[in-house]
Amino acid sequence: MARRTKRKSSSRKTTNLSITGVAQSYIVGSAMTKAFTGNNLMEFVTGRRGGKFAPGADGGQNISLPELLGINSSGQFTGNILGTGHFGNDPNAYTYKTAVKHNLKKYGFEAAVTAVAVPVGVRVFRRLSSRSGVTRYANQFLKMTGLPVRM
């Protein structure tokens, strides 16, 4: 009788999280969020400006996620959801469309330059650091921590 061949066990491949990839994504995402909402990524998500939870307390051009969800600065739901009303304290302040237009005029060019320059800069950094051996040593150090990350 012929001998059975053992089935090869599938190799487990761990996916490593790239620190430079995460940093690049955050920087570009923050620039795009600034272009459309007037806030960086953290201010947009949390609604905090200057250390205070203050959605709608600005002039109206800075849009945050709590504002879009209809939450005011005291943390109460106002029913004004997804930008259907005005932003800011003044009822004659910005509507959603005018706020986005204002922010694109003010921050659009800066965001476009960031979206192009940051990936190029990260690629150059990766190449230069790999030639000098910095990446290898950093990855060895990160491997000792036990976290599935790489540079």
N, C-alpha and C. Protein backbone atom coordinates (compact mmCIF):
# COMPACT_ATOMS: atom_id res chain seq x y z
N MET A 1 0.84 -1.17 0.00
CA MET A 1 0.00 0.00 0.00
C MET A 1 0.90 1.24 0.00
N ALA A 2 0.48 2.20 -0.76
CA ALA A 2 1.28 3.42 -0.89
C ALA A 2 1.19 4.24 0.40
N ARG A 3 2.28 4.86 0.70
CA ARG A 3 2.37 5.66 1.91
C ARG A 3 1.65 7.00 1.71
N ARG A 4 0.90 7.40 2.70
CA ARG A 4 0.22 8.69 2.61
C ARG A 4 1.21 9.82 2.82
N THR A 5 0.98 10.86 2.07
CA THR A 5 1.83 12.04 2.28
C THR A 5 1.17 12.93 3.33
N LYS A 6 2.00 13.50 4.15
CA LYS A 6 1.46 14.37 5.18
C LYS A 6 1.05 15.69 4.55
N ARG A 7 -0.04 16.17 5.00
CA ARG A 7 -0.51 17.46 4.51
C ARG A 7 0.33 18.56 5.14
N LYS A 8 0.75 19.49 4.32
CA LYS A 8 1.52 20.60 4.85
C LYS A 8 0.60 21.51 5.66
N SER A 9 1.09 21.87 6.81
CA SER A 9 0.29 22.81 7.61
C SER A 9 0.49 24.20 7.03
N SER A 10 -0.58 24.93 7.00
CA SER A 10 -0.48 26.27 6.44
C SER A 10 0.33 27.15 7.40
N SER A 11 1.22 27.91 6.82
CA SER A 11 2.05 28.76 7.66
C SER A 11 1.23 29.96 8.14
N ARG A 12 1.40 30.29 9.36
CA ARG A 12 0.68 31.44 9.93
C ARG A 12 1.50 32.68 9.66
N LYS A 13 0.88 33.59 8.99
CA LYS A 13 1.56 34.82 8.64
C LYS A 13 0.98 35.93 9.50
N THR A 14 1.83 36.53 10.29
CA THR A 14 1.35 37.64 11.11
C THR A 14 1.45 38.91 10.30
N THR A 15 0.43 39.71 10.43
CA THR A 15 0.47 40.99 9.74
C THR A 15 1.05 42.02 10.68
N ASN A 16 2.05 42.71 10.20
CA ASN A 16 2.68 43.74 11.01
C ASN A 16 2.08 45.09 10.69
N LEU A 17 1.92 45.87 11.70
CA LEU A 17 1.41 47.21 11.55
C LEU A 17 2.60 48.13 11.35
N SER A 18 2.57 48.88 10.28
CA SER A 18 3.68 49.77 9.96
C SER A 18 3.50 51.11 10.66
N ILE A 19 4.47 51.48 11.48
CA ILE A 19 4.40 52.74 12.21
C ILE A 19 4.43 53.91 11.24
N THR A 20 5.29 53.82 10.23
CA THR A 20 5.35 54.92 9.26
C THR A 20 4.07 55.01 8.44
N GLY A 21 3.45 53.88 8.16
CA GLY A 21 2.18 53.88 7.44
C GLY A 21 1.06 54.52 8.25
N VAL A 22 1.03 54.21 9.54
CA VAL A 22 0.02 54.82 10.42
C VAL A 22 0.25 56.32 10.53
N ALA A 23 1.51 56.72 10.68
CA ALA A 23 1.82 58.15 10.78
C ALA A 23 1.44 58.88 9.49
N GLN A 24 1.74 58.28 8.35
CA GLN A 24 1.39 58.89 7.07
C GLN A 24 -0.13 59.03 6.94
N SER A 25 -0.86 57.99 7.29
CA SER A 25 -2.32 58.03 7.19
C SER A 25 -2.90 59.10 8.10
N TYR A 26 -2.37 59.21 9.32
CA TYR A 26 -2.88 60.22 10.24
C TYR A 26 -2.62 61.63 9.73
N ILE A 27 -1.41 61.88 9.22
CA ILE A 27 -1.07 63.22 8.76
C ILE A 27 -1.93 63.62 7.55
N VAL A 28 -2.07 62.73 6.58
CA VAL A 28 -2.87 63.03 5.40
C VAL A 28 -4.35 63.14 5.78
N GLY A 29 -4.83 62.25 6.64
CA GLY A 29 -6.22 62.32 7.09
C GLY A 29 -6.53 63.59 7.85
N SER A 30 -5.58 64.02 8.66
CA SER A 30 -5.76 65.25 9.42
C SER A 30 -5.80 66.45 8.49
N ALA A 31 -4.95 66.44 7.45
CA ALA A 31 -4.95 67.55 6.48
C ALA A 31 -6.26 67.59 5.71
N MET A 32 -6.78 66.44 5.31
CA MET A 32 -8.04 66.41 4.57
C MET A 32 -9.21 66.84 5.47
N THR A 33 -9.18 66.40 6.72
CA THR A 33 -10.23 66.81 7.65
C THR A 33 -10.18 68.31 7.87
N LYS A 34 -8.98 68.87 7.97
CA LYS A 34 -8.82 70.32 8.13
C LYS A 34 -9.37 71.05 6.91
N ALA A 35 -9.14 70.51 5.71
CA ALA A 35 -9.61 71.15 4.48
C ALA A 35 -11.12 71.23 4.43
N PHE A 36 -11.80 70.20 4.92
CA PHE A 36 -13.26 70.19 4.81
C PHE A 36 -13.97 70.72 6.05
N THR A 37 -13.39 70.53 7.23
CA THR A 37 -14.11 70.90 8.45
C THR A 37 -13.46 72.04 9.22
N GLY A 38 -12.22 72.39 8.90
CA GLY A 38 -11.53 73.46 9.63
C GLY A 38 -10.88 72.97 10.92
N ASN A 39 -11.02 71.70 11.24
CA ASN A 39 -10.43 71.11 12.44
C ASN A 39 -9.47 70.01 12.02
N ASN A 40 -8.47 69.75 12.88
CA ASN A 40 -7.65 68.58 12.61
C ASN A 40 -8.44 67.33 13.00
N LEU A 41 -7.88 66.18 12.79
CA LEU A 41 -8.61 64.93 12.97
C LEU A 41 -9.11 64.74 14.40
N MET A 42 -8.25 65.02 15.38
CA MET A 42 -8.65 64.83 16.78
C MET A 42 -9.73 65.83 17.19
N GLU A 43 -9.59 67.09 16.79
CA GLU A 43 -10.60 68.09 17.12
C GLU A 43 -11.93 67.75 16.46
N PHE A 44 -11.89 67.21 15.23
CA PHE A 44 -13.12 66.84 14.55
C PHE A 44 -13.84 65.72 15.28
N VAL A 45 -13.11 64.69 15.67
CA VAL A 45 -13.73 63.52 16.30
C VAL A 45 -14.23 63.85 17.71
N THR A 46 -13.41 64.55 18.49
CA THR A 46 -13.76 64.77 19.89
C THR A 46 -14.62 66.01 20.12
N GLY A 47 -14.54 66.99 19.25
CA GLY A 47 -15.29 68.23 19.45
C GLY A 47 -14.62 69.17 20.44
N ARG A 48 -13.39 68.88 20.82
CA ARG A 48 -12.67 69.70 21.79
C ARG A 48 -11.80 70.71 21.06
N ARG A 49 -11.89 71.96 21.49
CA ARG A 49 -11.04 73.03 20.95
C ARG A 49 -10.48 73.80 22.13
N GLY A 50 -9.17 73.94 22.16
CA GLY A 50 -8.54 74.67 23.26
C GLY A 50 -8.71 73.99 24.61
N GLY A 51 -8.83 72.67 24.61
CA GLY A 51 -8.95 71.91 25.85
C GLY A 51 -10.36 71.82 26.39
N LYS A 52 -11.34 72.41 25.69
CA LYS A 52 -12.73 72.36 26.16
C LYS A 52 -13.60 71.67 25.13
N PHE A 53 -14.62 70.98 25.62
CA PHE A 53 -15.62 70.40 24.73
C PHE A 53 -16.55 71.53 24.32
N ALA A 54 -16.38 72.00 23.09
CA ALA A 54 -17.12 73.19 22.67
C ALA A 54 -17.57 73.09 21.22
N PRO A 55 -18.40 72.11 20.86
CA PRO A 55 -18.90 72.10 19.49
C PRO A 55 -19.88 73.26 19.28
N GLY A 56 -19.68 74.01 18.22
CA GLY A 56 -20.57 75.13 17.92
C GLY A 56 -20.20 76.40 18.63
N ALA A 57 -19.13 76.42 19.42
CA ALA A 57 -18.76 77.62 20.17
C ALA A 57 -17.84 78.54 19.36
N ASP A 58 -17.49 78.13 18.16
CA ASP A 58 -16.61 78.96 17.34
C ASP A 58 -17.47 79.86 16.45
N GLY A 59 -16.85 80.45 15.45
CA GLY A 59 -17.58 81.33 14.54
C GLY A 59 -18.50 80.60 13.60
N GLY A 60 -18.42 79.29 13.54
CA GLY A 60 -19.32 78.52 12.70
C GLY A 60 -18.63 77.78 11.58
N GLN A 61 -17.41 78.17 11.22
CA GLN A 61 -16.75 77.49 10.11
C GLN A 61 -16.06 76.21 10.53
N ASN A 62 -15.84 75.98 11.82
CA ASN A 62 -15.21 74.75 12.29
C ASN A 62 -16.28 73.73 12.63
N ILE A 63 -16.32 72.66 11.84
CA ILE A 63 -17.34 71.63 12.00
C ILE A 63 -16.73 70.46 12.74
N SER A 64 -17.46 69.91 13.70
CA SER A 64 -16.98 68.73 14.43
C SER A 64 -18.04 67.63 14.36
N LEU A 65 -17.62 66.43 14.68
CA LEU A 65 -18.54 65.29 14.65
C LEU A 65 -19.70 65.46 15.64
N PRO A 66 -19.45 65.93 16.88
CA PRO A 66 -20.60 66.15 17.76
C PRO A 66 -21.60 67.17 17.19
N GLU A 67 -21.12 68.18 16.48
CA GLU A 67 -22.03 69.13 15.84
C GLU A 67 -22.87 68.44 14.77
N LEU A 68 -22.22 67.58 13.97
CA LEU A 68 -22.96 66.87 12.93
C LEU A 68 -23.98 65.91 13.52
N LEU A 69 -23.68 65.39 14.72
CA LEU A 69 -24.62 64.49 15.38
C LEU A 69 -25.68 65.23 16.18
N GLY A 70 -25.59 66.54 16.24
CA GLY A 70 -26.59 67.35 16.93
C GLY A 70 -26.37 67.46 18.42
N ILE A 71 -25.12 67.46 18.87
CA ILE A 71 -24.80 67.58 20.29
C ILE A 71 -24.23 68.97 20.52
N ASN A 72 -24.77 69.69 21.51
CA ASN A 72 -24.27 71.04 21.77
C ASN A 72 -23.16 71.00 22.82
N SER A 73 -22.66 72.19 23.18
CA SER A 73 -21.49 72.26 24.07
C SER A 73 -21.80 71.78 25.49
N SER A 74 -23.06 71.72 25.88
CA SER A 74 -23.39 71.19 27.20
C SER A 74 -23.61 69.68 27.17
N GLY A 75 -23.46 69.07 25.98
CA GLY A 75 -23.57 67.63 25.86
C GLY A 75 -24.98 67.14 25.61
N GLN A 76 -25.91 68.03 25.31
CA GLN A 76 -27.30 67.65 25.09
C GLN A 76 -27.58 67.52 23.60
N PHE A 77 -28.45 66.60 23.26
CA PHE A 77 -28.86 66.41 21.87
C PHE A 77 -29.85 67.49 21.49
N THR A 78 -29.57 68.19 20.39
CA THR A 78 -30.43 69.31 19.98
C THR A 78 -31.41 68.94 18.88
N GLY A 79 -31.21 67.80 18.24
CA GLY A 79 -32.09 67.41 17.15
C GLY A 79 -31.63 67.98 15.81
N ASN A 80 -30.61 68.80 15.82
CA ASN A 80 -30.07 69.40 14.61
C ASN A 80 -28.98 68.48 14.07
N ILE A 81 -29.40 67.41 13.38
CA ILE A 81 -28.46 66.35 13.02
C ILE A 81 -27.98 66.48 11.58
N LEU A 82 -26.73 66.07 11.34
CA LEU A 82 -26.07 66.01 10.05
C LEU A 82 -26.06 67.35 9.31
N GLY A 83 -25.81 68.40 10.03
CA GLY A 83 -25.58 69.69 9.40
C GLY A 83 -26.79 70.28 8.73
N THR A 84 -27.99 69.99 9.23
CA THR A 84 -29.18 70.54 8.60
C THR A 84 -29.42 71.99 9.00
N GLY A 85 -28.79 72.44 10.07
CA GLY A 85 -28.99 73.81 10.52
C GLY A 85 -27.76 74.65 10.35
N HIS A 86 -27.57 75.61 11.24
CA HIS A 86 -26.44 76.52 11.18
C HIS A 86 -25.38 76.08 12.17
N PHE A 87 -24.13 76.41 11.86
CA PHE A 87 -23.02 76.08 12.74
C PHE A 87 -22.61 77.33 13.48
N GLY A 88 -22.30 77.15 14.73
CA GLY A 88 -21.91 78.28 15.56
C GLY A 88 -23.10 78.79 16.36
N ASN A 89 -22.85 79.78 17.22
CA ASN A 89 -23.90 80.31 18.09
C ASN A 89 -24.85 81.25 17.34
N ASP A 90 -24.36 81.92 16.34
CA ASP A 90 -25.15 82.90 15.60
C ASP A 90 -26.04 82.19 14.58
N PRO A 91 -27.37 82.43 14.59
CA PRO A 91 -28.23 81.78 13.60
C PRO A 91 -27.94 82.22 12.17
N ASN A 92 -27.30 83.37 12.00
CA ASN A 92 -26.93 83.82 10.66
C ASN A 92 -25.55 83.34 10.27
N ALA A 93 -24.98 82.46 11.08
CA ALA A 93 -23.63 81.96 10.83
C ALA A 93 -23.65 80.98 9.66
N TYR A 94 -22.60 80.23 9.55
CA TYR A 94 -22.40 79.34 8.41
C TYR A 94 -23.39 78.19 8.38
N THR A 95 -23.88 77.88 7.18
CA THR A 95 -24.57 76.62 6.97
C THR A 95 -23.50 75.59 6.63
N TYR A 96 -23.88 74.35 6.48
CA TYR A 96 -22.90 73.30 6.20
C TYR A 96 -22.15 73.58 4.90
N LYS A 97 -22.89 73.94 3.85
CA LYS A 97 -22.26 74.19 2.55
C LYS A 97 -21.31 75.38 2.61
N THR A 98 -21.73 76.46 3.22
CA THR A 98 -20.86 77.64 3.27
C THR A 98 -19.65 77.40 4.16
N ALA A 99 -19.81 76.60 5.20
CA ALA A 99 -18.68 76.29 6.08
C ALA A 99 -17.64 75.45 5.32
N VAL A 100 -18.10 74.46 4.56
CA VAL A 100 -17.17 73.63 3.80
C VAL A 100 -16.50 74.46 2.71
N LYS A 101 -17.25 75.33 2.04
CA LYS A 101 -16.65 76.22 1.02
C LYS A 101 -15.58 77.10 1.63
N HIS A 102 -15.89 77.69 2.78
CA HIS A 102 -14.94 78.56 3.47
C HIS A 102 -13.66 77.79 3.82
N ASN A 103 -13.82 76.59 4.36
CA ASN A 103 -12.66 75.79 4.77
C ASN A 103 -11.84 75.33 3.57
N LEU A 104 -12.50 74.98 2.47
CA LEU A 104 -11.75 74.57 1.28
C LEU A 104 -10.95 75.74 0.71
N LYS A 105 -11.53 76.93 0.73
CA LYS A 105 -10.79 78.10 0.25
C LYS A 105 -9.59 78.38 1.14
N LYS A 106 -9.79 78.24 2.45
CA LYS A 106 -8.75 78.59 3.40
C LYS A 106 -7.66 77.52 3.51
N TYR A 107 -8.04 76.24 3.54
CA TYR A 107 -7.09 75.16 3.82
C TYR A 107 -6.92 74.17 2.67
N GLY A 108 -7.60 74.34 1.57
CA GLY A 108 -7.58 73.36 0.48
C GLY A 108 -6.21 73.18 -0.16
N PHE A 109 -5.53 74.28 -0.46
CA PHE A 109 -4.22 74.18 -1.10
C PHE A 109 -3.22 73.49 -0.18
N GLU A 110 -3.24 73.88 1.09
CA GLU A 110 -2.34 73.28 2.08
C GLU A 110 -2.58 71.77 2.19
N ALA A 111 -3.85 71.35 2.16
CA ALA A 111 -4.18 69.93 2.25
C ALA A 111 -3.73 69.18 1.01
N ALA A 112 -3.87 69.78 -0.17
CA ALA A 112 -3.45 69.13 -1.41
C ALA A 112 -1.93 68.94 -1.42
N VAL A 113 -1.20 69.95 -0.99
CA VAL A 113 0.25 69.84 -0.93
C VAL A 113 0.66 68.75 0.07
N THR A 114 0.00 68.71 1.21
CA THR A 114 0.28 67.70 2.22
C THR A 114 -0.01 66.30 1.69
N ALA A 115 -1.13 66.15 0.98
CA ALA A 115 -1.51 64.84 0.44
C ALA A 115 -0.51 64.32 -0.58
N VAL A 116 0.20 65.22 -1.26
CA VAL A 116 1.20 64.80 -2.24
C VAL A 116 2.58 64.66 -1.59
N ALA A 117 2.95 65.60 -0.72
CA ALA A 117 4.31 65.64 -0.18
C ALA A 117 4.58 64.58 0.88
N VAL A 118 3.61 64.28 1.72
CA VAL A 118 3.84 63.34 2.82
C VAL A 118 4.14 61.92 2.33
N PRO A 119 3.38 61.35 1.39
CA PRO A 119 3.74 60.01 0.91
C PRO A 119 5.13 59.97 0.26
N VAL A 120 5.48 61.03 -0.46
CA VAL A 120 6.81 61.08 -1.07
C VAL A 120 7.88 61.15 0.03
N GLY A 121 7.65 61.99 1.04
CA GLY A 121 8.60 62.10 2.14
C GLY A 121 8.76 60.81 2.92
N VAL A 122 7.67 60.10 3.13
CA VAL A 122 7.73 58.82 3.85
C VAL A 122 8.51 57.80 3.04
N ARG A 123 8.28 57.78 1.72
CA ARG A 123 9.01 56.85 0.87
C ARG A 123 10.51 57.14 0.89
N VAL A 124 10.87 58.41 0.82
CA VAL A 124 12.28 58.79 0.88
C VAL A 124 12.87 58.40 2.24
N PHE A 125 12.12 58.67 3.32
CA PHE A 125 12.59 58.31 4.66
C PHE A 125 12.82 56.81 4.78
N ARG A 126 11.89 56.01 4.26
CA ARG A 126 12.04 54.56 4.34
C ARG A 126 13.28 54.08 3.59
N ARG A 127 13.50 54.64 2.40
CA ARG A 127 14.68 54.24 1.62
C ARG A 127 15.98 54.63 2.32
N LEU A 128 16.03 55.85 2.81
CA LEU A 128 17.26 56.31 3.48
C LEU A 128 17.52 55.53 4.77
N SER A 129 16.47 55.27 5.52
CA SER A 129 16.66 54.55 6.78
C SER A 129 16.98 53.08 6.55
N SER A 130 16.51 52.50 5.46
CA SER A 130 16.85 51.10 5.19
C SER A 130 18.30 50.95 4.75
N ARG A 131 18.82 51.93 4.05
CA ARG A 131 20.22 51.86 3.62
C ARG A 131 21.18 52.02 4.78
N SER A 132 20.81 52.85 5.74
CA SER A 132 21.71 53.07 6.87
C SER A 132 21.55 52.02 7.97
N GLY A 133 20.57 51.14 7.85
CA GLY A 133 20.38 50.08 8.83
C GLY A 133 19.48 50.48 9.99
N VAL A 134 18.97 51.68 9.98
CA VAL A 134 18.12 52.14 11.08
C VAL A 134 16.85 51.30 11.15
N THR A 135 16.28 50.98 10.00
CA THR A 135 15.04 50.21 9.97
C THR A 135 15.25 48.83 10.58
N ARG A 136 16.36 48.19 10.24
CA ARG A 136 16.62 46.85 10.77
C ARG A 136 16.72 46.87 12.29
N TYR A 137 17.46 47.82 12.82
CA TYR A 137 17.61 47.90 14.28
C TYR A 137 16.29 48.27 14.96
N ALA A 138 15.55 49.17 14.34
CA ALA A 138 14.25 49.56 14.91
C ALA A 138 13.30 48.37 14.91
N ASN A 139 13.28 47.61 13.81
CA ASN A 139 12.40 46.44 13.75
C ASN A 139 12.81 45.37 14.74
N GLN A 140 14.12 45.20 14.96
CA GLN A 140 14.58 44.24 15.97
C GLN A 140 14.12 44.67 17.36
N PHE A 141 14.23 45.97 17.64
CA PHE A 141 13.79 46.48 18.93
C PHE A 141 12.28 46.31 19.09
N LEU A 142 11.53 46.63 18.05
CA LEU A 142 10.07 46.50 18.13
C LEU A 142 9.65 45.04 18.26
N LYS A 143 10.42 44.13 17.68
CA LYS A 143 10.11 42.70 17.79
C LYS A 143 10.26 42.22 19.23
N MET A 144 11.23 42.79 19.96
CA MET A 144 11.44 42.42 21.36
C MET A 144 10.26 42.84 22.24
N THR A 145 9.52 43.85 21.83
CA THR A 145 8.37 44.28 22.63
C THR A 145 7.21 43.30 22.53
N GLY A 146 7.21 42.49 21.47
CA GLY A 146 6.15 41.51 21.30
C GLY A 146 4.95 42.05 20.56
N LEU A 147 4.99 43.30 20.19
CA LEU A 147 3.88 43.89 19.43
C LEU A 147 4.08 43.63 17.95
N PRO A 148 3.00 43.38 17.22
CA PRO A 148 3.13 43.12 15.80
C PRO A 148 3.26 44.41 14.98
N VAL A 149 4.35 45.12 15.20
CA VAL A 149 4.57 46.38 14.48
C VAL A 149 5.94 46.33 13.81
N ARG A 150 6.10 47.16 12.82
CA ARG A 150 7.38 47.32 12.16
C ARG A 150 7.50 48.78 11.75
N MET A 151 8.67 49.15 11.30
CA MET A 151 8.88 50.53 10.89
C MET A 151 8.64 50.70 9.43
